[in-house]
Amino acid sequence: MNPICRSFVIPAVLLAALPAAAQAAPAEAPATPAGREALAILEEAVAVPTVAGRGQVPVLAGKIRERLLSAGFKADEVSFTPLGETGYLVARYPGRDRKAKPTLIIAHMDVVEAKPEDWERDPFTPVIEDGYLFGRGSLDNKAGLSMSLAAVMDLRRKGWVPAHDLVLAFSGDEETQMATTAAMADALSNADLVLNADAGGGELDAAGKPFAYSVQAGEKTYADYRFTVTDPGGHSSRPGATNAIDAMSKAMEKVWAYHFPVKLSPLTKAYLEGSAPSAPAEVAGAMRAFASNPDDAQAIATLTARPDYVGIIRTTCVPTMIEGGHAPNALPQSVTANVNCRIFPGTTREQVRKQLATVIANPEITIEFIDNGTLDSIESPLREDVMGAIDKAVHERAPGLAIVPGMSAGATDSMHFRAKGIPAFGVGSVFMRADDEFAHGLNERLPLATLDPGVKQWQTLLKTLLN
């Protein structure tokens, strides 16, 4: 997910992959050929530092292309479209009805930056320890890419033919400007359905038992706003009536203290009702109460007090960066601050900008939206055929598991397809404990145990939808 983004309403669950190196494989290592292939793909992908500015996305795309050709894809079915130093890859799996609209599987090849000196292990050298594969992108999103790719390659080798075309579409800058995503969405705008490997997934409790599976059917809009205030400044020994740092500090205090109005959509209502039975006891009642009555003050207070639930019920805006002054002995002439917002679907970025201006109530401070390639978010109406196929695939893996629709707290590639009216659902196959989730952080890792069942989940999902 975009660093701009990520953070599923139900913590994304992910499991691990195994080392390419010759060391004794832990018990969690994949046992099936397709699972082992997913691990090999993942290790190869982690070793390619597909960070913005390094020009390595085409390198990884080339490796993926070779794997697809080895699985029986024809040369003219796999293409890479360069865009600056990155690009996107498309592989078309021909179906029986070539005129029908295709189904897409999307994932992203790029990752966020990682400084080796900060990590316990080199972030771009895949390392297997204690049942995990460590490395940048091992979870976000090379895990989803590897499992979906291995599943499709295995199906192609076995001669399965989908009802209509199935298209793999892997973007190259989801973590930054999403220019490849936008171009990819334009090129594939005739799609009927998008299955996103970079969202959704299962959550495990502390004992490793699955207790919920979330389907991403919407996401909050990501937005950054630059606040700027200027002042004539002067010598620090001659303070006047105004000070730019003081003015900005007061504005940021107001932003931090402000709560946007609560909202309840069909998607978040379904999430709250579906999650309450397995939610912590101290919030389950509040989830049910809010879903029933979004004006329930006590429910609002309970959910607002929890960082893992506040984003489900309202837009959130928080100060994240501040810069100002030019010398230790001078009054500041300029101060800027960044406020990061995750906006509830149905509210525009401009509406939020205007509300922030009202909140700070200081016309001397300008507020500017910083364009980063994201779009105003909309939700995908739940489709019966998709939810039925997910139900079959997930319950084959974890019988009786609660399946709930969810809303991501930030941006994924799905937004560009939803903006074109194409339903998009996050159906990731990683199952993981919340305390194992280190996407974008130090020591990012994937539990190896998720690979075999993750690949199988993809295959059951696809064969159910496209047989």
Protein backbone atom coordinates (compact mmCIF):
# COMPACT_ATOMS: atom_id res chain seq x y z
CA MET A 1 0.00 0.00 0.00
CA ASN A 2 0.93 3.52 -0.57
CA PRO A 3 2.99 4.93 2.34
CA ILE A 4 0.51 7.53 1.90
CA CYS A 5 -1.78 4.82 2.83
CA ARG A 6 -2.00 1.45 4.20
CA SER A 7 -3.64 0.30 7.38
CA PHE A 8 -6.71 -1.79 6.96
CA VAL A 9 -9.62 -1.36 9.27
CA ILE A 10 -9.04 -4.96 10.25
CA PRO A 11 -5.25 -5.29 10.53
CA ALA A 12 -4.02 -7.01 7.39
CA VAL A 13 -2.97 -10.59 8.03
CA LEU A 14 0.07 -11.90 6.36
CA LEU A 15 2.19 -14.96 6.57
CA ALA A 16 5.57 -15.93 5.41
CA ALA A 17 7.89 -17.13 2.80
CA LEU A 18 11.02 -19.16 2.84
CA PRO A 19 14.68 -18.52 1.96
CA ALA A 20 16.34 -19.02 -1.33
CA ALA A 21 19.46 -19.95 0.54
CA ALA A 22 20.26 -23.52 1.43
CA GLN A 23 19.44 -23.72 5.10
CA ALA A 24 17.17 -26.11 6.94
CA ALA A 25 13.59 -25.16 6.13
CA PRO A 26 11.39 -24.43 9.14
CA ALA A 27 8.20 -26.39 9.68
CA GLU A 28 6.18 -23.49 8.25
CA ALA A 29 7.97 -23.67 4.88
CA PRO A 30 5.72 -24.28 1.87
CA ALA A 31 5.03 -27.91 1.15
CA THR A 32 3.30 -27.59 -2.23
CA PRO A 33 5.03 -26.83 -5.55
CA ALA A 34 2.93 -23.67 -6.00
CA GLY A 35 3.70 -22.52 -2.45
CA ARG A 36 7.41 -23.08 -2.98
CA GLU A 37 7.20 -21.13 -6.22
CA ALA A 38 5.51 -18.27 -4.41
CA LEU A 39 8.40 -18.24 -1.96
CA ALA A 40 10.98 -18.26 -4.75
CA ILE A 41 9.19 -15.36 -6.47
CA LEU A 42 9.02 -13.46 -3.19
CA GLU A 43 12.71 -13.91 -2.42
CA GLU A 44 13.66 -12.84 -5.91
CA ALA A 45 11.37 -9.80 -5.69
CA VAL A 46 12.63 -8.67 -2.26
CA ALA A 47 16.20 -8.76 -3.58
CA VAL A 48 15.32 -6.16 -6.24
CA PRO A 49 15.21 -2.72 -4.52
CA THR A 50 12.19 -1.29 -6.34
CA VAL A 51 12.36 2.01 -4.47
CA ALA A 52 11.43 5.25 -6.24
CA GLY A 53 14.44 6.74 -8.00
CA ARG A 54 16.49 3.57 -8.35
CA GLY A 55 15.12 2.45 -11.71
CA GLN A 56 14.66 -1.15 -10.57
CA VAL A 57 10.96 -1.71 -11.33
CA PRO A 58 11.75 -2.65 -14.96
CA VAL A 59 14.30 -5.15 -13.64
CA LEU A 60 11.72 -6.89 -11.47
CA ALA A 61 9.14 -6.74 -14.27
CA GLY A 62 11.63 -8.51 -16.53
CA LYS A 63 12.06 -11.31 -13.99
CA ILE A 64 8.29 -11.68 -13.65
CA ARG A 65 7.94 -11.80 -17.43
CA GLU A 66 10.44 -14.65 -17.67
CA ARG A 67 8.52 -16.60 -15.04
CA LEU A 68 5.24 -16.07 -16.88
CA LEU A 69 6.76 -17.28 -20.15
CA SER A 70 8.08 -20.37 -18.37
CA ALA A 71 4.53 -21.11 -17.19
CA GLY A 72 3.13 -21.09 -20.71
CA PHE A 73 2.19 -17.47 -21.30
CA LYS A 74 2.94 -16.37 -24.86
CA ALA A 75 5.32 -13.50 -25.53
CA ASP A 76 2.55 -11.29 -26.92
CA GLU A 77 0.44 -11.87 -23.80
CA VAL A 78 2.95 -10.17 -21.50
CA SER A 79 3.91 -6.52 -21.86
CA PHE A 80 5.72 -3.84 -19.87
CA THR A 81 4.88 -0.18 -20.37
CA PRO A 82 7.67 2.15 -19.20
CA LEU A 83 6.77 5.42 -17.52
CA GLY A 84 9.77 7.47 -16.50
CA GLU A 85 12.10 5.29 -14.44
CA THR A 86 9.28 2.89 -13.59
CA GLY A 87 6.32 1.37 -15.44
CA TYR A 88 3.62 -1.28 -15.24
CA LEU A 89 3.34 -4.91 -16.35
CA VAL A 90 0.27 -6.53 -17.89
CA ALA A 91 -0.16 -10.26 -18.55
CA ARG A 92 -3.32 -11.50 -20.27
CA TYR A 93 -4.56 -15.05 -19.58
CA PRO A 94 -6.97 -15.84 -22.47
CA GLY A 95 -10.42 -17.07 -21.51
CA ARG A 96 -13.14 -18.90 -23.36
CA ASP A 97 -15.09 -15.74 -24.18
CA ARG A 98 -12.55 -13.30 -25.56
CA LYS A 99 -15.17 -10.58 -26.08
CA ALA A 100 -16.31 -10.45 -22.44
CA LYS A 101 -14.91 -7.85 -20.07
CA PRO A 102 -11.84 -9.18 -18.22
CA THR A 103 -11.26 -9.68 -14.52
CA LEU A 104 -8.08 -8.03 -13.20
CA ILE A 105 -5.71 -9.07 -10.45
CA ILE A 106 -3.74 -6.01 -9.35
CA ALA A 107 -0.65 -5.65 -7.16
CA HIS A 108 2.33 -3.30 -7.06
CA MET A 109 6.00 -3.99 -7.66
CA ASP A 110 7.46 -0.95 -5.89
CA VAL A 111 8.28 -0.59 -2.19
CA VAL A 112 9.02 2.24 0.22
CA GLU A 113 12.60 3.20 1.02
CA ALA A 114 14.57 1.33 3.68
CA LYS A 115 17.90 2.41 5.18
CA PRO A 116 20.17 -0.61 5.77
CA GLU A 117 21.84 1.07 8.75
CA ASP A 118 18.48 1.16 10.55
CA TRP A 119 17.63 -2.50 10.02
CA GLU A 120 18.82 -5.56 11.92
CA ARG A 121 19.20 -7.33 8.54
CA ASP A 122 19.85 -5.87 5.10
CA PRO A 123 16.36 -4.87 3.89
CA PHE A 124 17.02 -6.01 0.34
CA THR A 125 18.51 -9.39 1.19
CA PRO A 126 15.71 -11.89 1.89
CA VAL A 127 16.40 -13.66 5.17
CA ILE A 128 14.46 -16.58 6.66
CA GLU A 129 14.39 -16.77 10.44
CA ASP A 130 11.96 -18.30 12.94
CA GLY A 131 9.32 -19.02 10.32
CA TYR A 132 9.39 -15.56 8.72
CA LEU A 133 10.84 -14.05 5.58
CA PHE A 134 12.37 -10.67 6.44
CA GLY A 135 12.94 -7.90 3.90
CA ARG A 136 11.49 -4.71 2.51
CA GLY A 137 8.32 -5.52 0.59
CA SER A 138 8.07 -9.02 2.04
CA LEU A 139 4.59 -8.00 3.14
CA ASP A 140 3.76 -4.83 1.21
CA ASN A 141 3.16 -5.86 -1.48
CA LYS A 142 5.49 -8.48 -2.85
CA ALA A 143 3.72 -11.12 -0.75
CA GLY A 144 0.39 -10.51 -2.48
CA LEU A 145 2.08 -10.26 -5.85
CA SER A 146 3.99 -13.52 -5.34
CA MET A 147 1.05 -15.60 -4.13
CA SER A 148 -1.37 -14.40 -6.81
CA LEU A 149 1.29 -14.83 -9.50
CA ALA A 150 2.22 -18.35 -8.35
CA ALA A 151 -1.48 -19.31 -8.26
CA VAL A 152 -2.10 -18.10 -11.81
CA MET A 153 1.08 -19.70 -13.18
CA ASP A 154 0.12 -23.03 -11.63
CA LEU A 155 -3.36 -22.84 -13.13
CA ARG A 156 -1.91 -22.04 -16.56
CA ARG A 157 0.47 -24.99 -16.42
CA LYS A 158 -2.41 -27.29 -15.48
CA GLY A 159 -4.43 -26.19 -18.49
CA TRP A 160 -7.25 -24.35 -16.73
CA VAL A 161 -9.12 -21.94 -19.03
CA PRO A 162 -11.13 -19.15 -17.37
CA ALA A 163 -14.60 -18.18 -18.56
CA HIS A 164 -13.20 -14.88 -19.84
CA ASP A 165 -9.82 -13.17 -19.90
CA LEU A 166 -7.95 -12.86 -16.62
CA VAL A 167 -5.41 -10.04 -16.54
CA LEU A 168 -2.50 -9.59 -14.15
CA ALA A 169 -1.75 -5.87 -13.79
CA PHE A 170 1.22 -4.86 -11.64
CA SER A 171 1.91 -1.16 -11.08
CA GLY A 172 5.28 0.46 -10.43
CA ASP A 173 4.73 3.51 -8.22
CA GLU A 174 1.82 2.77 -5.89
CA GLU A 175 3.95 3.93 -2.97
CA THR A 176 4.52 7.39 -4.47
CA GLN A 177 2.61 9.21 -7.22
CA MET A 178 0.53 6.35 -8.66
CA ALA A 179 1.19 7.59 -12.21
CA THR A 180 1.60 4.00 -13.42
CA THR A 181 -1.62 3.06 -11.66
CA ALA A 182 -3.53 5.83 -13.41
CA ALA A 183 -2.05 4.84 -16.78
CA MET A 184 -2.80 1.17 -16.11
CA ALA A 185 -6.40 1.96 -15.17
CA ASP A 186 -6.80 3.94 -18.40
CA ALA A 187 -5.39 1.06 -20.46
CA LEU A 188 -7.64 -1.50 -18.74
CA SER A 189 -10.77 0.61 -18.33
CA ASN A 190 -12.92 -2.08 -19.98
CA ALA A 191 -12.50 -4.41 -16.98
CA ASP A 192 -15.54 -5.88 -15.27
CA LEU A 193 -13.93 -6.50 -11.89
CA VAL A 194 -10.71 -5.85 -9.96
CA LEU A 195 -9.26 -8.21 -7.34
CA ASN A 196 -6.59 -6.39 -5.34
CA ALA A 197 -3.81 -8.46 -3.75
CA ASP A 198 -2.68 -5.43 -1.73
CA ALA A 199 -5.67 -5.18 0.59
CA GLY A 200 -7.90 -7.37 2.67
CA GLY A 201 -6.74 -10.49 4.46
CA GLY A 202 -7.09 -12.56 7.58
CA GLU A 203 -6.25 -11.66 11.14
CA LEU A 204 -4.86 -14.10 13.67
CA ASP A 205 -5.14 -13.85 17.42
CA ALA A 206 -2.15 -14.11 19.76
CA ALA A 207 -2.32 -17.92 19.58
CA GLY A 208 -2.26 -17.88 15.79
CA LYS A 209 -5.94 -18.73 15.32
CA PRO A 210 -7.86 -16.86 12.57
CA PHE A 211 -10.71 -14.75 13.93
CA ALA A 212 -11.70 -12.52 10.99
CA TYR A 213 -11.18 -11.99 7.27
CA SER A 214 -11.70 -8.54 5.80
CA VAL A 215 -12.62 -7.69 2.23
CA GLN A 216 -11.57 -4.21 1.17
CA ALA A 217 -14.52 -2.61 -0.60
CA GLY A 218 -13.54 1.00 0.01
CA GLU A 219 -10.73 3.19 1.25
CA LYS A 220 -10.34 6.60 2.75
CA THR A 221 -8.98 9.41 0.63
CA TYR A 222 -5.39 10.31 1.43
CA ALA A 223 -4.59 14.03 1.48
CA ASP A 224 -1.70 16.24 2.59
CA TYR A 225 -2.20 19.96 3.21
CA ARG A 226 0.61 22.49 3.50
CA PHE A 227 -0.02 25.25 6.05
CA THR A 228 2.11 28.37 5.57
CA VAL A 229 2.46 31.56 7.59
CA THR A 230 4.90 34.42 6.92
CA ASP A 231 6.06 37.34 9.04
CA PRO A 232 8.50 40.25 8.56
CA GLY A 233 10.72 38.69 11.24
CA GLY A 234 13.55 40.71 12.69
CA HIS A 235 16.12 40.53 15.47
CA SER A 236 15.26 38.10 18.26
CA SER A 237 16.04 40.80 20.84
CA ARG A 238 13.15 42.90 19.52
CA PRO A 239 10.04 40.66 19.67
CA GLY A 240 6.83 42.21 18.42
CA ALA A 241 3.16 41.37 18.61
CA THR A 242 3.34 38.41 16.21
CA ASN A 243 5.52 35.35 15.84
CA ALA A 244 5.16 32.86 12.99
CA ILE A 245 6.10 29.84 15.13
CA ASP A 246 3.57 30.82 17.78
CA ALA A 247 0.84 31.30 15.17
CA MET A 248 1.52 27.92 13.56
CA SER A 249 1.74 26.16 16.91
CA LYS A 250 -1.68 27.46 17.90
CA ALA A 251 -3.10 26.38 14.54
CA MET A 252 -1.69 22.86 14.89
CA GLU A 253 -3.08 22.58 18.43
CA LYS A 254 -6.54 23.33 17.02
CA VAL A 255 -6.14 20.78 14.22
CA TRP A 256 -5.02 18.14 16.70
CA ALA A 257 -7.94 18.81 19.03
CA TYR A 258 -10.62 18.91 16.31
CA HIS A 259 -12.83 15.88 15.62
CA PHE A 260 -14.56 15.71 12.25
CA PRO A 261 -18.22 14.65 12.36
CA VAL A 262 -18.83 10.91 12.55
CA LYS A 263 -20.18 9.08 9.50
CA LEU A 264 -21.71 5.69 8.83
CA SER A 265 -21.85 4.17 5.34
CA PRO A 266 -23.35 0.84 4.21
CA LEU A 267 -19.80 -0.52 4.08
CA THR A 268 -18.73 0.59 7.55
CA LYS A 269 -22.09 -0.49 9.00
CA ALA A 270 -21.54 -3.98 7.57
CA TYR A 271 -17.99 -3.99 8.92
CA LEU A 272 -19.00 -2.99 12.43
CA GLU A 273 -21.87 -5.47 12.60
CA GLY A 274 -19.78 -8.28 11.15
CA SER A 275 -16.73 -7.59 13.33
CA ALA A 276 -18.45 -7.06 16.65
CA PRO A 277 -18.78 -10.78 17.54
CA SER A 278 -14.98 -11.22 17.38
CA ALA A 279 -13.98 -7.73 18.56
CA PRO A 280 -12.48 -7.02 22.01
CA ALA A 281 -15.19 -7.02 24.66
CA GLU A 282 -14.52 -3.40 25.59
CA VAL A 283 -15.42 -2.17 22.08
CA ALA A 284 -17.87 -4.79 20.76
CA GLY A 285 -20.84 -3.11 22.40
CA ALA A 286 -19.83 0.28 21.04
CA MET A 287 -19.51 -1.16 17.53
CA ARG A 288 -23.03 -2.57 17.67
CA ALA A 289 -24.44 0.60 19.21
CA PHE A 290 -22.83 2.91 16.64
CA ALA A 291 -23.93 0.70 13.73
CA SER A 292 -27.49 0.91 15.10
CA ASN A 293 -27.38 4.59 16.03
CA PRO A 294 -24.50 6.77 14.78
CA ASP A 295 -25.60 9.50 17.20
CA ASP A 296 -24.84 7.33 20.25
CA ALA A 297 -22.46 9.59 22.21
CA GLN A 298 -21.00 6.85 24.40
CA ALA A 299 -20.32 4.58 21.42
CA ILE A 300 -18.67 7.47 19.60
CA ALA A 301 -16.45 8.25 22.58
CA THR A 302 -15.41 4.60 22.99
CA LEU A 303 -14.51 4.13 19.32
CA THR A 304 -12.81 7.52 19.07
CA ALA A 305 -10.53 6.66 21.98
CA ARG A 306 -9.18 3.63 20.11
CA PRO A 307 -6.59 4.35 17.36
CA ASP A 308 -7.59 1.12 15.60
CA TYR A 309 -11.25 2.20 15.34
CA VAL A 310 -11.36 5.99 15.18
CA GLY A 311 -10.59 5.98 11.45
CA ILE A 312 -13.61 3.79 10.75
CA ILE A 313 -16.12 6.34 11.96
CA ARG A 314 -14.78 9.70 10.78
CA THR A 315 -12.28 11.70 8.76
CA THR A 316 -9.02 12.19 10.65
CA CYS A 317 -6.44 14.96 10.22
CA VAL A 318 -3.17 15.16 12.14
CA PRO A 319 -0.07 17.40 12.04
CA THR A 320 2.88 15.34 10.80
CA MET A 321 5.70 17.78 9.93
CA ILE A 322 6.71 21.35 10.75
CA GLU A 323 9.56 23.57 9.59
CA GLY A 324 10.37 27.19 10.31
CA GLY A 325 12.84 29.86 11.18
CA HIS A 326 16.17 30.65 9.54
CA ALA A 327 18.54 31.50 12.42
CA PRO A 328 18.67 30.92 16.20
CA ASN A 329 18.93 34.65 16.84
CA ALA A 330 16.23 35.87 14.45
CA LEU A 331 12.46 36.06 14.57
CA PRO A 332 11.01 33.49 12.13
CA GLN A 333 9.99 34.85 8.75
CA SER A 334 8.25 31.71 7.57
CA VAL A 335 6.81 28.52 9.06
CA THR A 336 5.24 25.61 7.19
CA ALA A 337 3.47 22.54 8.54
CA ASN A 338 2.06 19.42 6.95
CA VAL A 339 -1.31 18.06 8.00
CA ASN A 340 -2.12 14.53 6.85
CA CYS A 341 -5.77 13.56 6.44
CA ARG A 342 -7.57 10.28 5.82
CA ILE A 343 -10.95 11.33 4.47
CA PHE A 344 -14.16 9.34 4.81
CA PRO A 345 -15.62 8.34 1.42
CA GLY A 346 -18.18 10.84 0.21
CA THR A 347 -16.29 13.87 1.55
CA THR A 348 -14.11 15.78 -0.92
CA ARG A 349 -10.58 17.01 -0.30
CA GLU A 350 -11.73 20.58 -0.92
CA GLN A 351 -14.42 20.27 1.73
CA VAL A 352 -11.78 19.15 4.20
CA ARG A 353 -9.46 22.02 3.25
CA LYS A 354 -12.24 24.53 3.89
CA GLN A 355 -13.09 22.91 7.22
CA LEU A 356 -9.46 23.06 8.32
CA ALA A 357 -9.42 26.78 7.51
CA THR A 358 -12.50 27.21 9.69
CA VAL A 359 -10.91 25.20 12.50
CA ILE A 360 -7.71 27.26 12.73
CA ALA A 361 -9.58 30.54 12.21
CA ASN A 362 -6.46 32.40 11.10
CA PRO A 363 -6.68 33.98 7.63
CA GLU A 364 -2.95 34.76 7.78
CA ILE A 365 -2.21 31.05 7.40
CA THR A 366 -2.69 29.67 3.90
CA ILE A 367 -3.74 26.04 3.35
CA GLU A 368 -2.75 24.31 0.12
CA PHE A 369 -3.64 20.78 -0.99
CA ILE A 370 -0.54 18.85 -2.11
CA ASP A 371 -1.33 16.72 -5.15
CA ASN A 372 0.15 13.23 -4.83
CA GLY A 373 -1.84 11.33 -7.44
CA THR A 374 -4.64 10.19 -5.14
CA LEU A 375 -8.32 10.66 -5.94
CA ASP A 376 -11.47 11.34 -3.95
CA SER A 377 -12.50 7.89 -2.79
CA ILE A 378 -15.73 6.02 -3.46
CA GLU A 379 -16.93 2.63 -2.23
CA SER A 380 -17.62 -0.49 -4.31
CA PRO A 381 -21.10 -1.95 -3.75
CA LEU A 382 -20.74 -5.51 -2.51
CA ARG A 383 -21.29 -8.01 -5.34
CA GLU A 384 -23.00 -11.28 -4.54
CA ASP A 385 -20.83 -13.33 -6.92
CA VAL A 386 -17.61 -11.89 -5.50
CA MET A 387 -18.63 -12.30 -1.86
CA GLY A 388 -19.81 -15.85 -2.55
CA ALA A 389 -16.49 -16.78 -4.14
CA ILE A 390 -14.56 -15.18 -1.27
CA ASP A 391 -16.72 -17.08 1.20
CA LYS A 392 -15.89 -20.38 -0.49
CA ALA A 393 -12.15 -19.67 -0.79
CA VAL A 394 -11.70 -18.39 2.75
CA HIS A 395 -13.86 -21.03 4.41
CA GLU A 396 -12.00 -23.76 2.58
CA ARG A 397 -8.95 -22.42 4.42
CA ALA A 398 -10.60 -21.46 7.71
CA PRO A 399 -14.07 -23.01 8.15
CA GLY A 400 -16.60 -20.73 9.81
CA LEU A 401 -14.33 -17.68 9.84
CA ALA A 402 -16.14 -14.33 10.03
CA ILE A 403 -15.89 -12.50 6.68
CA VAL A 404 -16.51 -8.77 6.87
CA PRO A 405 -16.28 -5.92 4.37
CA GLY A 406 -13.71 -3.30 5.31
CA MET A 407 -12.40 0.14 4.49
CA SER A 408 -8.69 0.86 4.18
CA ALA A 409 -7.41 3.87 6.04
CA GLY A 410 -5.31 4.91 3.08
CA ALA A 411 -4.68 4.63 -0.61
CA THR A 412 -4.29 1.55 -2.79
CA ASP A 413 -4.34 1.09 -6.54
CA SER A 414 -8.04 0.21 -6.29
CA MET A 415 -8.99 3.89 -6.14
CA HIS A 416 -8.10 4.51 -9.78
CA PHE A 417 -10.34 1.68 -10.94
CA ARG A 418 -13.22 2.59 -8.64
CA ALA A 419 -13.02 6.13 -10.02
CA LYS A 420 -13.81 4.64 -13.45
CA GLY A 421 -16.81 2.78 -12.10
CA ILE A 422 -15.07 -0.61 -11.97
CA PRO A 423 -15.83 -2.56 -8.77
CA ALA A 424 -12.62 -3.31 -6.85
CA PHE A 425 -12.18 -5.58 -3.85
CA GLY A 426 -9.16 -6.22 -1.66
CA VAL A 427 -8.91 -10.01 -1.38
CA GLY A 428 -5.38 -10.51 -0.09
CA SER A 429 -4.44 -14.00 1.10
CA VAL A 430 -2.07 -13.09 3.92
CA PHE A 431 -3.14 -14.24 7.38
CA MET A 432 -1.15 -12.68 10.20
CA ARG A 433 -1.16 -11.43 13.78
CA ALA A 434 -1.50 -7.68 14.22
CA ASP A 435 1.81 -7.54 16.12
CA ASP A 436 3.62 -9.06 13.11
CA GLU A 437 2.55 -6.23 10.79
CA PHE A 438 5.57 -4.06 9.98
CA ALA A 439 4.69 -2.79 6.50
CA HIS A 440 6.70 0.37 5.76
CA GLY A 441 8.60 -0.14 8.99
CA LEU A 442 11.77 -1.76 10.26
CA ASN A 443 12.14 -5.54 10.02
CA GLU A 444 9.17 -5.98 7.70
CA ARG A 445 8.35 -9.67 7.52
CA LEU A 446 5.95 -12.29 6.25
CA PRO A 447 5.00 -15.53 8.06
CA LEU A 448 5.99 -18.50 5.88
CA ALA A 449 2.90 -20.38 6.98
CA THR A 450 0.66 -18.17 4.86
CA LEU A 451 2.14 -19.19 1.51
CA ASP A 452 0.60 -22.60 0.83
CA PRO A 453 -2.93 -21.71 1.97
CA GLY A 454 -2.59 -18.25 0.42
CA VAL A 455 -1.89 -19.64 -3.05
CA LYS A 456 -4.71 -22.15 -2.68
CA GLN A 457 -7.08 -19.37 -1.61
CA TRP A 458 -6.33 -17.47 -4.81
CA GLN A 459 -6.90 -20.55 -6.95
CA THR A 460 -10.24 -21.38 -5.35
CA LEU A 461 -11.35 -17.76 -5.65
CA LEU A 462 -10.46 -17.59 -9.35
CA LYS A 463 -11.93 -20.95 -10.27
CA THR A 464 -15.15 -20.12 -8.43
CA LEU A 465 -15.52 -16.75 -10.13
CA LEU A 466 -14.30 -17.67 -13.60
CA ASN A 467 -15.18 -21.33 -14.22
